[in-house]
Structure formats: structure tokens, C-alpha cells
Protein backbone atom coordinates (compact mmCIF):
# COMPACT_ATOMS: atom_id res chain seq x y z
CA MET A 1 9.43 47.08 41.12
CA ALA A 2 8.58 43.61 42.26
CA ASN A 3 7.25 41.23 39.73
CA GLN A 4 3.61 40.47 40.24
CA SER A 5 2.27 37.17 39.23
CA LYS A 6 -0.54 37.31 36.78
CA GLN A 7 -3.63 35.21 37.14
CA TYR A 8 -5.42 33.99 34.03
CA ASN A 9 -9.02 32.84 34.01
CA LEU A 10 -8.80 29.95 31.68
CA LYS A 11 -12.14 28.40 30.71
CA ASN A 12 -12.42 24.69 30.37
CA PRO A 13 -12.47 24.13 26.58
CA LYS A 14 -14.33 20.89 27.09
CA GLY A 15 -17.30 21.91 29.15
CA LYS A 16 -20.92 21.02 28.82
CA THR A 17 -21.41 23.17 25.70
CA TYR A 18 -18.52 21.55 23.97
CA TRP A 19 -19.74 18.01 24.59
CA LEU A 20 -23.31 19.00 23.59
CA LYS A 21 -22.13 20.26 20.26
CA PHE A 22 -19.90 17.26 19.79
CA SER A 23 -22.82 14.88 20.52
CA VAL A 24 -25.16 16.70 18.12
CA ILE A 25 -22.62 16.60 15.32
CA CYS A 26 -21.96 12.89 15.90
CA ALA A 27 -25.70 12.16 15.94
CA ILE A 28 -26.18 14.07 12.62
CA LEU A 29 -23.30 12.17 11.03
CA VAL A 30 -24.67 8.84 12.14
CA ILE A 31 -28.09 9.72 10.66
CA LEU A 32 -26.58 10.83 7.35
CA TYR A 33 -24.43 7.71 7.00
CA THR A 34 -27.37 5.52 7.92
CA VAL A 35 -29.59 7.12 5.31
CA ALA A 36 -26.86 6.91 2.68
CA PHE A 37 -26.37 3.18 3.19
CA LEU A 38 -30.09 2.39 3.39
CA PHE A 39 -31.06 4.29 0.20
CA THR A 40 -27.96 3.53 -1.91
CA ASP A 41 -28.01 0.55 -4.20
CA LEU A 42 -24.82 -1.38 -3.24
CA THR A 43 -25.71 -4.51 -5.17
CA TYR A 44 -22.67 -6.02 -6.91
CA ARG A 45 -23.68 -7.30 -10.34
CA GLY A 46 -20.30 -8.65 -11.30
CA SER A 47 -18.45 -8.71 -14.59
CA GLY A 48 -17.55 -11.22 -17.21
CA ALA A 49 -13.85 -10.64 -16.58
CA SER A 50 -12.02 -11.23 -13.31
CA THR A 51 -9.97 -8.52 -11.61
CA GLY A 52 -6.71 -10.36 -12.32
CA GLU A 53 -7.60 -10.63 -16.00
CA MET A 54 -8.48 -6.97 -16.23
CA ILE A 55 -5.17 -5.95 -14.61
CA ARG A 56 -3.23 -8.23 -16.92
CA ARG A 57 -4.95 -6.91 -20.03
CA MET A 58 -4.49 -3.25 -19.01
CA PHE A 59 -1.01 -3.19 -17.62
CA PHE A 60 0.85 -6.23 -18.98
CA ASP A 61 -0.49 -7.26 -22.37
CA PRO A 62 0.10 -3.86 -24.07
CA PHE A 63 3.86 -4.27 -23.70
CA PHE A 64 3.81 -7.58 -25.61
CA ASP A 65 1.22 -6.64 -28.23
CA PRO A 66 2.81 -4.84 -31.26
CA VAL A 67 -0.62 -3.50 -32.34
CA HIS A 68 -1.02 -1.51 -29.16
CA ARG A 69 2.63 -0.49 -29.06
CA GLU A 70 2.13 1.11 -32.50
CA ASN A 71 -0.59 3.34 -31.00
CA ILE A 72 1.63 4.71 -28.27
CA PRO A 73 3.00 7.68 -30.33
CA GLU A 74 -0.54 8.66 -31.29
CA ASN A 75 -1.71 8.54 -27.69
CA ILE A 76 1.33 10.56 -26.60
CA GLY A 77 0.24 13.19 -29.18
CA TYR A 78 -3.19 13.30 -27.55
CA MET A 79 -1.49 13.75 -24.17
CA PHE A 80 0.51 16.71 -25.47
CA GLU A 81 -2.76 18.19 -26.70
CA THR A 82 -4.15 17.69 -23.17
CA LEU A 83 -1.07 19.50 -21.72
CA ALA A 84 -1.56 22.33 -24.14
CA ILE A 85 -5.22 22.68 -23.11
CA ALA A 86 -4.25 22.66 -19.40
CA PHE A 87 -1.45 25.18 -19.88
CA ALA A 88 -3.49 27.63 -21.98
CA GLY A 89 -6.43 27.36 -19.58
CA THR A 90 -4.28 27.79 -16.47
CA LEU A 91 -2.46 30.75 -18.00
CA VAL A 92 -5.71 32.56 -18.80
CA GLY A 93 -7.14 31.72 -15.43
CA ALA A 94 -4.03 32.83 -13.56
CA ILE A 95 -4.06 36.21 -15.35
CA LEU A 96 -7.77 36.96 -15.21
CA GLY A 97 -8.02 35.58 -11.68
CA ILE A 98 -5.77 38.40 -10.35
CA PRO A 99 -8.26 41.34 -10.82
CA VAL A 100 -11.11 39.21 -9.61
CA GLY A 101 -9.05 38.11 -6.58
CA PHE A 102 -8.30 41.69 -5.67
CA LEU A 103 -12.00 42.60 -6.10
CA ALA A 104 -12.88 39.81 -3.69
CA ALA A 105 -10.27 40.87 -1.06
CA GLN A 106 -12.05 42.74 1.75
CA ASN A 107 -8.93 44.74 2.79
CA VAL A 108 -8.67 46.15 -0.74
CA THR A 109 -12.24 46.79 -1.91
CA GLY A 110 -14.13 46.87 1.42
CA SER A 111 -17.84 46.16 1.08
CA PHE A 112 -17.49 45.78 -2.69
CA SER A 113 -15.65 42.46 -1.96
CA PHE A 114 -19.15 40.91 -1.81
CA PHE A 115 -19.44 41.20 -5.60
CA GLY A 116 -16.05 39.55 -6.21
CA LYS A 117 -16.80 36.70 -3.85
CA SER A 118 -20.25 36.17 -5.47
CA ILE A 119 -18.59 35.87 -8.87
CA LEU A 120 -16.07 33.35 -7.60
CA ASN A 121 -18.74 31.33 -5.79
CA ALA A 122 -20.87 31.20 -8.93
CA ILE A 123 -17.93 29.98 -11.02
CA ARG A 124 -16.80 27.35 -8.47
CA ALA A 125 -20.35 25.94 -8.28
CA PHE A 126 -19.84 24.21 -11.64
CA PRO A 127 -17.17 21.52 -12.40
CA GLU A 128 -14.96 21.68 -15.49
CA ILE A 129 -16.98 18.98 -17.25
CA MET A 130 -20.13 21.11 -17.04
CA PHE A 131 -18.38 24.12 -18.54
CA ALA A 132 -16.98 21.80 -21.22
CA ILE A 133 -20.45 20.62 -22.14
CA ILE A 134 -21.65 24.23 -22.47
CA PHE A 135 -18.72 25.42 -24.54
CA VAL A 136 -18.78 22.33 -26.82
CA ALA A 137 -22.40 23.29 -27.58
CA ALA A 138 -21.40 26.94 -28.10
CA VAL A 139 -18.18 26.71 -30.12
CA GLY A 140 -18.13 23.06 -31.30
CA PHE A 141 -15.91 20.10 -30.63
CA GLY A 142 -12.18 20.49 -30.18
CA PRO A 143 -9.51 21.84 -27.80
CA TYR A 144 -10.91 25.36 -27.94
CA ALA A 145 -13.90 24.37 -25.86
CA GLY A 146 -11.54 22.64 -23.42
CA VAL A 147 -9.40 25.70 -23.03
CA LEU A 148 -12.45 27.86 -22.31
CA ALA A 149 -13.75 25.32 -19.74
CA ILE A 150 -10.40 25.15 -17.91
CA SER A 151 -9.95 28.94 -18.06
CA ILE A 152 -13.33 29.75 -16.46
CA ASN A 153 -12.95 27.15 -13.76
CA SER A 154 -9.36 28.25 -13.01
CA ILE A 155 -10.51 31.85 -12.63
CA GLY A 156 -12.96 30.74 -9.94
CA MET A 157 -10.49 28.62 -7.98
CA LEU A 158 -7.36 30.88 -8.35
CA GLY A 159 -9.37 34.00 -7.74
CA LYS A 160 -10.53 32.58 -4.42
CA LEU A 161 -6.98 31.64 -3.38
CA TYR A 162 -5.62 35.00 -4.63
CA SER A 163 -8.18 36.92 -2.54
CA GLU A 164 -7.18 35.01 0.61
CA VAL A 165 -3.49 35.81 -0.09
CA VAL A 166 -4.28 39.49 -0.50
CA GLU A 167 -6.30 39.56 2.69
CA SER A 168 -3.34 38.12 4.61
CA ILE A 169 -0.73 40.72 3.47
CA ASP A 170 1.04 43.02 5.92
CA MET A 171 -1.08 46.16 5.80
CA GLU A 172 1.60 48.16 7.76
CA ILE A 173 3.74 48.25 4.66
CA VAL A 174 0.83 49.59 2.69
CA GLN A 175 -0.02 52.26 5.31
CA THR A 176 3.64 53.29 5.49
CA LEU A 177 3.74 53.87 1.68
CA LYS A 178 0.52 55.88 1.86
CA MET A 179 1.95 58.08 4.65
CA THR A 180 5.02 58.82 2.51
CA GLY A 181 2.81 60.16 -0.28
CA ALA A 182 2.76 57.16 -2.61
CA ASN A 183 -0.19 57.03 -5.01
CA LYS A 184 -2.40 53.97 -5.53
CA ILE A 185 -0.28 52.56 -8.38
CA GLN A 186 2.90 52.90 -6.33
CA VAL A 187 1.23 51.24 -3.31
CA LEU A 188 0.09 48.41 -5.49
CA TRP A 189 3.48 47.97 -7.22
CA TYR A 190 5.79 48.37 -4.19
CA GLY A 191 3.56 47.41 -1.27
CA ILE A 192 1.18 44.69 -2.39
CA LEU A 193 2.52 42.83 -5.41
CA PRO A 194 5.96 41.91 -3.80
CA GLN A 195 4.01 40.21 -1.01
CA VAL A 196 1.58 38.26 -3.16
CA ILE A 197 3.50 37.37 -6.36
CA PRO A 198 5.33 34.32 -4.83
CA GLU A 199 2.16 32.76 -3.53
CA PHE A 200 0.26 33.67 -6.70
CA SER A 201 2.91 31.82 -8.74
CA SER A 202 2.82 28.83 -6.38
CA TYR A 203 -0.98 28.54 -6.59
CA ALA A 204 -0.88 28.88 -10.41
CA LEU A 205 1.61 25.99 -10.65
CA TYR A 206 -0.49 23.86 -8.35
CA ARG A 207 -3.57 24.73 -10.36
CA PHE A 208 -1.74 23.59 -13.53
CA GLU A 209 -1.29 20.13 -11.99
CA ILE A 210 -5.05 19.96 -11.30
CA ASP A 211 -5.91 21.23 -14.75
CA VAL A 212 -3.81 18.50 -16.37
CA ARG A 213 -5.94 15.94 -14.60
CA ALA A 214 -9.15 17.78 -15.45
CA SER A 215 -8.18 18.17 -19.12
CA SER A 216 -7.68 14.40 -19.31
CA ILE A 217 -11.41 13.82 -18.97
CA LEU A 218 -12.74 16.73 -20.94
CA GLY A 219 -12.41 14.71 -24.14
CA LEU A 220 -15.30 12.66 -22.85
CA VAL A 221 -17.65 15.40 -24.06
CA GLY A 222 -15.65 16.36 -27.13
CA ALA A 223 -13.44 19.07 -25.67
CA GLY A 224 -10.23 17.59 -27.06
CA GLY A 225 -7.34 15.86 -25.43
CA ILE A 226 -6.72 12.31 -24.48
CA GLY A 227 -10.16 11.75 -22.88
CA ALA A 228 -11.78 11.00 -26.30
CA PRO A 229 -9.68 7.93 -27.17
CA LEU A 230 -9.88 6.84 -23.54
CA ILE A 231 -13.71 6.76 -23.46
CA LEU A 232 -13.79 5.18 -26.97
CA ALA A 233 -11.43 2.38 -25.92
CA SER A 234 -13.40 1.74 -22.71
CA GLN A 235 -16.73 1.59 -24.57
CA GLN A 236 -15.22 -0.93 -26.97
CA ARG A 237 -13.89 -2.98 -24.04
CA ASN A 238 -10.39 -2.53 -25.51
CA TRP A 239 -8.72 -2.78 -22.09
CA GLU A 240 -5.22 -2.98 -23.58
CA GLU A 241 -5.70 0.43 -25.19
CA VAL A 242 -7.17 1.76 -21.95
CA GLY A 243 -4.14 0.56 -20.05
CA VAL A 244 -1.73 2.26 -22.49
CA ILE A 245 -3.57 5.57 -22.18
CA LEU A 246 -3.79 5.32 -18.39
CA MET A 247 -0.08 4.63 -18.13
CA ILE A 248 0.73 7.62 -20.33
CA VAL A 249 -1.51 9.85 -18.11
CA ILE A 250 0.05 8.52 -14.89
CA VAL A 251 3.62 9.02 -16.05
CA THR A 252 2.89 12.50 -17.36
CA VAL A 253 1.07 13.66 -14.23
CA THR A 254 3.82 12.23 -12.04
CA ILE A 255 6.55 14.09 -13.93
CA ILE A 256 4.58 17.36 -13.83
CA ASP A 257 3.93 16.89 -10.14
CA LEU A 258 7.68 16.42 -9.40
CA ILE A 259 8.69 19.41 -11.50
CA SER A 260 5.98 21.65 -10.11
CA THR A 261 6.77 20.69 -6.50
CA ASN A 262 10.43 21.49 -7.00
CA ILE A 263 9.63 24.89 -8.54
CA ARG A 264 7.13 25.77 -5.83
CA LYS A 265 9.74 25.04 -3.11
CA ARG A 266 12.11 27.52 -4.77
CA ILE A 267 9.48 30.20 -5.18
CA VAL A 268 7.88 30.19 -1.70
């Protein structure tokens, strides 16, 4: 049979409708930026210290001042407390985010996924610092409030990512298991979990990196960690101490990022 050439009716992707939408979006952006610049106070009031002096006091003087070098072990201890808060919060969020993620997956729960998505949207509407303020008022000052704040926020973010992973699985494997007579537990164990566990683990590790950064500022409201001495030093204009704390945070986050990236490459 002779090959017949096929003709495709390709529409011009950049027709009048495209350029109309593009123009409207550009006009809206211009208006928004104009309003933002007109109604935002951009007045520079200056500071008593120059930029060069601030950098010198924060990142050079601490190495030559024995008083601030003596505080390094104490600040490292606060950093370990921050890591513990982030790890505990991420662990709880990674575990509890799994059932919520499955509930929000449309290919698993159907129309009931609306309830799961609503829960996740409600959680993600608030930042960690807001949850920290609430839990500090509820359970008092300390790392426990920080763990609760990180846990709740991690459930919202990981649950959303988990649901998207579940919705992208190969449903043919699931249907094949059902046709062979597998029950729901067997379908979950052999058909769904092997497809989602690698990405679940990767997202949990990535979330841990984010939670370390978030835990570093929760001490600002009394939720434990290195944020408390950081805000105290900044309020006292003790820039040498601020520099020591910032360098500890930067080094710790960098090490965690390198380790986490290496692990994620091996998992996925």
C-alpha cells in the first residue's frame, strides 16, 4: 500500500488572540509595578556605620576577638538545637503528609480529593513563623513549639508534593494488579508505593534543607534554636556576634545542602 502523506492543520500559536493576551498581561504588570513604586516608601535614611565597617565587624573582627571566639561553641550548640528542631519537624511532616497526600490525589480518592486539597491549602496559607507564634502561646517557649510549627507547615508542603507524585503514577500497573485479584492493600504495597517512595524520599530531604533555614528564624519568637541569640545580638548592635552566628548558619546549611543533593541523586 502506497504511503499517503498526511496533512496537519497547524494553527499559528502567535495569532491575534495570543498577542491580545500578551498585551493585557504586560499592561497589568506595568500598572502593578507603577502602583508599587508610587506608594512604597523608598526613602533611604542611612545608618551610623558604613557598609565596609559593617562587613568588617561581622566577618573579619570575630576571628581576631577572643571574646567572640569563646562564644563559638555555645552558638554551635544552638545550631545543633536548630538542626534537631528541623529534623524532628521534617520527620513528622514527612510521615503525616503521606496519608494527606493520598487523600488529596484525585486518581486515588476521586471527588474526595477536594477535602485533602483544602486541608493542604489551609496549612500552606500560613508561614512557619505564624505557626511558631501560635504554638509558643499554646505550649510556651522552647524547641517544642518550633517542632510543632515545622511539622504542621511540612505536612502542608510535603502533602501537596506527595499528591502530585501519586497523581502521576502509572495506573496501568495498578489496573493490572486489580485484574489479577489483588486486594487494596496489595495494590497499595506492590503497585503504588514502589512508584512513589523514591520521590517521597527526595522531597522529604529537600524539605529538610528548607526546614533548617526556617528553624533558624523561629527563635525570633521564642521557638528555640539559634534565632534567639541572633535577634538578641542584632538588637544590641553586637555585629561581631551576629557575624559569628551567620557564618555558623551558612556553613551548616551549605554542608547539609551538599549531603542532601548527593543523597537525592542516588535515590531518584
